[in-house]
C-alpha cells in the first residue's frame, strides 16, 4: 500500500513507458517529455504498454523513491481523457482506485465541500 500526504500532486504519464528505466531514465521522461521538474516533490506515474506494471517516481528531500507494482493478472485502467497532453493530474483517491482495479468511468463521486481556490 502506498500512503501519501494530501499535499502531493500525482501526474500520470500518458504514453507507455519502458519499465527497464530506472531513476535517471524516468527523470529524463519527466524533464524532456513532460517539461516538469522531477525534484518538485510531485509523484510521477508510469505504465507499461500492457498496463500490468506501474512505477511511481518521487523525490523526497535528499533522494528519489521508485515504487513498482506488477500485476499477476489483469491490467491497470487509466482514466480516459480527451486532450492529448503529456500527463494527466490525478487525485490520490483516483490513484488508489486504479491500484485496486476499479474502473474510474463507472465509479461515481459524491459531491463534497471544496474551498474556493
C-alpha atoms as a PDB file:
ATOM      1  CA  UNK A   1       0.000   0.000   0.000  1.00  0.00           C
ATOM      2  CA  UNK A   2       1.279   3.443  -0.915  1.00  0.00           C
ATOM      3  CA  UNK A   3       0.243   6.100   1.601  1.00  0.00           C
ATOM      4  CA  UNK A   4       0.938   9.718   0.732  1.00  0.00           C
ATOM      5  CA  UNK A   5       0.294  13.112   2.288  1.00  0.00           C
ATOM      6  CA  UNK A   6      -2.583  15.107   0.793  1.00  0.00           C
ATOM      7  CA  UNK A   7      -0.226  17.869  -0.363  1.00  0.00           C
ATOM      8  CA  UNK A   8       1.335  15.655  -3.051  1.00  0.00           C
ATOM      9  CA  UNK A   9       0.319  16.041  -6.680  1.00  0.00           C
ATOM     10  CA  UNK A  10       0.131  12.966  -8.906  1.00  0.00           C
ATOM     11  CA  UNK A  11       0.836  13.042 -12.648  1.00  0.00           C
ATOM     12  CA  UNK A  12       0.159  10.055 -14.890  1.00  0.00           C
ATOM     13  CA  UNK A  13       2.475   9.880 -17.905  1.00  0.00           C
ATOM     14  CA  UNK A  14       0.160   9.266 -20.883  1.00  0.00           C
ATOM     15  CA  UNK A  15       2.464   7.189 -23.112  1.00  0.00           C
ATOM     16  CA  UNK A  16       3.625   3.630 -22.369  1.00  0.00           C
ATOM     17  CA  UNK A  17       6.958   3.686 -20.555  1.00  0.00           C
ATOM     18  CA  UNK A  18       9.806   1.211 -20.740  1.00  0.00           C
ATOM     19  CA  UNK A  19       9.805  -0.465 -17.322  1.00  0.00           C
ATOM     20  CA  UNK A  20      13.535  -1.135 -17.624  1.00  0.00           C
ATOM     21  CA  UNK A  21      14.088   2.571 -16.949  1.00  0.00           C
ATOM     22  CA  UNK A  22      15.466   3.395 -13.548  1.00  0.00           C
ATOM     23  CA  UNK A  23      15.847   6.661 -11.674  1.00  0.00           C
ATOM     24  CA  UNK A  24      17.741   8.539 -14.388  1.00  0.00           C
ATOM     25  CA  UNK A  25      15.603   7.272 -17.269  1.00  0.00           C
ATOM     26  CA  UNK A  26      12.346   8.185 -15.552  1.00  0.00           C
ATOM     27  CA  UNK A  27      13.728  11.598 -14.564  1.00  0.00           C
ATOM     28  CA  UNK A  28      14.588  12.086 -18.234  1.00  0.00           C
ATOM     29  CA  UNK A  29      10.979  11.382 -19.234  1.00  0.00           C
ATOM     30  CA  UNK A  30       9.720  13.853 -16.636  1.00  0.00           C
ATOM     31  CA  UNK A  31      12.137  16.576 -17.750  1.00  0.00           C
ATOM     32  CA  UNK A  32      12.199  16.079 -21.532  1.00  0.00           C
ATOM     33  CA  UNK A  33       8.667  14.915 -22.304  1.00  0.00           C
ATOM     34  CA  UNK A  34       6.561  16.469 -19.554  1.00  0.00           C
ATOM     35  CA  UNK A  35       8.646  19.602 -19.085  1.00  0.00           C
ATOM     36  CA  UNK A  36       8.347  19.150 -15.323  1.00  0.00           C
ATOM     37  CA  UNK A  37      10.910  19.149 -12.535  1.00  0.00           C
ATOM     38  CA  UNK A  38      11.497  15.690 -11.028  1.00  0.00           C
ATOM     39  CA  UNK A  39      12.796  17.431  -7.868  1.00  0.00           C
ATOM     40  CA  UNK A  40       9.433  19.172  -7.316  1.00  0.00           C
ATOM     41  CA  UNK A  41       8.207  16.574  -4.826  1.00  0.00           C
ATOM     42  CA  UNK A  42       5.331  15.586  -7.127  1.00  0.00           C
ATOM     43  CA  UNK A  43       4.660  11.919  -7.875  1.00  0.00           C
ATOM     44  CA  UNK A  44       5.064  10.818 -11.495  1.00  0.00           C
ATOM     45  CA  UNK A  45       3.255   7.642 -12.537  1.00  0.00           C
ATOM     46  CA  UNK A  46       4.328   5.422 -15.440  1.00  0.00           C
ATOM     47  CA  UNK A  47       2.592   2.387 -17.001  1.00  0.00           C
ATOM     48  CA  UNK A  48       3.949  -0.116 -19.492  1.00  0.00           C
ATOM     49  CA  UNK A  49       2.223  -0.899 -22.821  1.00  0.00           C
ATOM     50  CA  UNK A  50       0.248  -3.861 -21.421  1.00  0.00           C
ATOM     51  CA  UNK A  51      -0.654  -1.760 -18.341  1.00  0.00           C
ATOM     52  CA  UNK A  52       0.229  -4.593 -15.954  1.00  0.00           C
ATOM     53  CA  UNK A  53       3.215  -2.754 -14.439  1.00  0.00           C
ATOM     54  CA  UNK A  54       3.334   0.626 -12.752  1.00  0.00           C
ATOM     55  CA  UNK A  55       6.189   2.744 -11.421  1.00  0.00           C
ATOM     56  CA  UNK A  56       5.849   5.827  -9.261  1.00  0.00           C
ATOM     57  CA  UNK A  57       8.770   8.256  -9.062  1.00  0.00           C
ATOM     58  CA  UNK A  58       9.007  10.588  -6.073  1.00  0.00           C
ATOM     59  CA  UNK A  59      11.668  13.000  -4.805  1.00  0.00           C
ATOM     60  CA  UNK A  60      11.944  13.011  -1.012  1.00  0.00           C
ATOM     61  CA  UNK A  61      14.198  15.877   0.238  1.00  0.00           C
ATOM     62  CA  UNK A  62      17.500  14.067  -0.336  1.00  0.00           C
ATOM     63  CA  UNK A  63      16.819  11.251  -2.784  1.00  0.00           C
ATOM     64  CA  UNK A  64      14.422   9.536  -5.161  1.00  0.00           C
ATOM     65  CA  UNK A  65      11.963   6.751  -4.420  1.00  0.00           C
ATOM     66  CA  UNK A  66      10.640   4.330  -7.018  1.00  0.00           C
ATOM     67  CA  UNK A  67       7.544   2.343  -6.113  1.00  0.00           C
ATOM     68  CA  UNK A  68       6.984  -0.557  -8.510  1.00  0.00           C
ATOM     69  CA  UNK A  69       3.932  -2.794  -8.818  1.00  0.00           C
ATOM     70  CA  UNK A  70       3.484  -5.782 -11.145  1.00  0.00           C
ATOM     71  CA  UNK A  71       0.057  -7.335 -11.540  1.00  0.00           C
ATOM     72  CA  UNK A  72      -0.055 -11.105 -11.834  1.00  0.00           C
ATOM     73  CA  UNK A  73      -3.409 -10.899 -13.621  1.00  0.00           C
ATOM     74  CA  UNK A  74      -5.407  -8.070 -15.194  1.00  0.00           C
ATOM     75  CA  UNK A  75      -4.393  -4.520 -16.089  1.00  0.00           C
ATOM     76  CA  UNK A  76      -4.447  -1.047 -14.625  1.00  0.00           C
ATOM     77  CA  UNK A  77      -7.264   1.096 -16.034  1.00  0.00           C
ATOM     78  CA  UNK A  78      -6.042   4.684 -16.509  1.00  0.00           C
ATOM     79  CA  UNK A  79      -8.593   7.494 -16.844  1.00  0.00           C
ATOM     80  CA  UNK A  80      -9.887   8.355 -20.300  1.00  0.00           C
ATOM     81  CA  UNK A  81      -9.033  11.946 -21.154  1.00  0.00           C
ATOM     82  CA  UNK A  82      -9.896  13.666 -24.442  1.00  0.00           C
ATOM     83  CA  UNK A  83      -6.962  16.081 -24.522  1.00  0.00           C
ATOM     84  CA  UNK A  84      -3.601  14.913 -25.834  1.00  0.00           C
ATOM     85  CA  UNK A  85      -1.317  16.246 -23.120  1.00  0.00           C
ATOM     86  CA  UNK A  86       1.842  14.562 -21.885  1.00  0.00           C
ATOM     87  CA  UNK A  87       0.359  13.875 -18.455  1.00  0.00           C
ATOM     88  CA  UNK A  88      -2.889  13.808 -16.507  1.00  0.00           C
ATOM     89  CA  UNK A  89      -3.151  15.064 -12.946  1.00  0.00           C
ATOM     90  CA  UNK A  90      -4.767  12.524 -10.632  1.00  0.00           C
ATOM     91  CA  UNK A  91      -6.088  12.846  -7.118  1.00  0.00           C
ATOM     92  CA  UNK A  92      -4.752  10.435  -4.501  1.00  0.00           C
ATOM     93  CA  UNK A  93      -8.088   8.609  -4.316  1.00  0.00           C
ATOM     94  CA  UNK A  94      -8.120   8.162  -8.112  1.00  0.00           C
ATOM     95  CA  UNK A  95      -4.675   6.576  -7.928  1.00  0.00           C
ATOM     96  CA  UNK A  96      -5.898   4.236  -5.188  1.00  0.00           C
ATOM     97  CA  UNK A  97      -8.910   3.218  -7.313  1.00  0.00           C
ATOM     98  CA  UNK A  98      -6.602   2.453 -10.253  1.00  0.00           C
ATOM     99  CA  UNK A  99      -4.298   0.413  -7.995  1.00  0.00           C
ATOM    100  CA  UNK A 100      -7.266  -1.570  -6.646  1.00  0.00           C
ATOM    101  CA  UNK A 101      -8.645  -2.349 -10.109  1.00  0.00           C
ATOM    102  CA  UNK A 102     -11.708  -0.113 -10.033  1.00  0.00           C
ATOM    103  CA  UNK A 103     -12.707   1.468 -13.331  1.00  0.00           C
ATOM    104  CA  UNK A 104     -12.821   5.235 -12.896  1.00  0.00           C
ATOM    105  CA  UNK A 105     -15.501   5.731 -15.567  1.00  0.00           C
ATOM    106  CA  UNK A 106     -18.015   3.610 -13.632  1.00  0.00           C
ATOM    107  CA  UNK A 107     -17.144   4.972 -10.183  1.00  0.00           C
ATOM    108  CA  UNK A 108     -19.484   7.724  -9.041  1.00  0.00           C
ATOM    109  CA  UNK A 109     -18.038  10.507  -6.935  1.00  0.00           C
ATOM    110  CA  UNK A 110     -20.382  12.111  -4.414  1.00  0.00           C
ATOM    111  CA  UNK A 111     -20.344  15.857  -4.029  1.00  0.00           C
ATOM    112  CA  UNK A 112     -18.091  17.176  -1.255  1.00  0.00           C
ATOM    113  CA  UNK A 113     -17.161  20.600   0.030  1.00  0.00           C
ATOM    114  CA  UNK A 114     -14.082  22.146  -1.510  1.00  0.00           C
ATOM    115  CA  UNK A 115     -12.860  25.607  -0.551  1.00  0.00           C
ATOM    116  CA  UNK A 116     -12.508  28.129  -3.378  1.00  0.00           C
ATOM    117  CA  UNK A 117      -9.007  28.290  -4.817  1.00  0.00           C
END
